[in-house]
Amino acid sequence: MRNTKIKFTLEKMLTERNMTQKELALKTGLRESTLSDMKRRNALNLSHVATICEALGVTDISEALELTYDK
């Protein structure tokens, strides 16, 4: 059986929108440290993911989450 991982593509979404983590923190009300943890450790809190997606105008969750498989 393969090991499946879910990656939160926060860095990619911010880059595509030319937005900083600080700007996203201000827009969402989430702390910068929370966003940093989500980006670095891929620590997902689904309500935070939903808040971020709403703030970034993401309507397709596949833009925010990526599945990877280890062999």
Protein backbone atom coordinates (compact mmCIF):
# COMPACT_ATOMS: atom_id res chain seq x y z
CA MET A 1 0.00 0.00 0.00
CA ARG A 2 1.27 3.47 -0.90
CA ASN A 3 1.68 6.22 1.65
CA THR A 4 -0.67 9.06 0.73
CA LYS A 5 0.03 12.64 1.84
CA ILE A 6 -2.07 15.75 1.55
CA LYS A 7 -0.13 18.96 0.93
CA PHE A 8 -1.57 22.42 1.54
CA THR A 9 -0.33 24.62 -1.32
CA LEU A 10 -0.34 27.90 0.61
CA GLU A 11 3.00 29.16 -0.72
CA LYS A 12 1.94 28.52 -4.32
CA MET A 13 -1.41 30.28 -3.85
CA LEU A 14 0.26 33.31 -2.26
CA THR A 15 2.86 33.51 -5.04
CA GLU A 16 0.20 33.28 -7.76
CA ARG A 17 -1.66 36.17 -6.14
CA ASN A 18 1.47 38.22 -5.41
CA MET A 19 0.45 38.28 -1.76
CA THR A 20 2.54 38.03 1.39
CA GLN A 21 1.83 35.91 4.40
CA LYS A 22 1.42 39.11 6.41
CA GLU A 23 -1.21 40.43 3.98
CA LEU A 24 -3.09 37.14 4.19
CA ALA A 25 -2.95 37.26 7.99
CA LEU A 26 -4.51 40.74 7.94
CA LYS A 27 -7.17 39.65 5.45
CA THR A 28 -8.14 36.47 7.33
CA GLY A 29 -7.58 37.42 10.95
CA LEU A 30 -5.31 34.39 11.37
CA ARG A 31 -1.98 34.90 13.09
CA GLU A 32 1.13 34.95 10.91
CA SER A 33 2.59 32.20 13.09
CA THR A 34 -0.44 30.01 12.34
CA LEU A 35 0.04 30.53 8.61
CA SER A 36 3.74 29.84 8.95
CA ASP A 37 3.06 26.57 10.77
CA MET A 38 0.56 25.54 8.12
CA LYS A 39 3.11 26.25 5.41
CA ARG A 40 6.16 24.71 7.11
CA ARG A 41 4.72 21.71 8.85
CA ASN A 42 1.73 21.19 6.59
CA ALA A 43 -0.39 21.29 9.75
CA LEU A 44 -3.95 21.48 8.48
CA ASN A 45 -6.88 22.88 10.37
CA LEU A 46 -9.86 22.60 8.05
CA SER A 47 -11.59 25.73 9.32
CA HIS A 48 -8.36 27.69 8.70
CA VAL A 49 -8.09 26.16 5.21
CA ALA A 50 -11.68 27.26 4.51
CA THR A 51 -10.98 30.79 5.80
CA ILE A 52 -7.86 31.07 3.64
CA CYS A 53 -9.63 29.73 0.55
CA GLU A 54 -12.44 32.23 1.00
CA ALA A 55 -9.98 35.12 1.42
CA LEU A 56 -8.04 34.07 -1.70
CA GLY A 57 -11.15 33.47 -3.81
CA VAL A 58 -10.47 29.74 -4.14
CA THR A 59 -13.61 27.91 -5.24
CA ASP A 60 -12.03 24.57 -6.17
CA ILE A 61 -10.41 22.80 -3.21
CA SER A 62 -7.97 21.05 -5.56
CA GLU A 63 -6.26 24.43 -5.94
CA ALA A 64 -5.47 24.39 -2.21
CA LEU A 65 -4.78 20.70 -1.59
CA GLU A 66 -2.50 18.33 -3.44
CA LEU A 67 -2.31 14.54 -3.04
CA THR A 68 1.07 12.88 -3.24
CA TYR A 69 1.87 9.20 -3.13
CA ASP A 70 5.05 7.52 -1.97
CA LYS A 71 6.03 4.33 -3.75
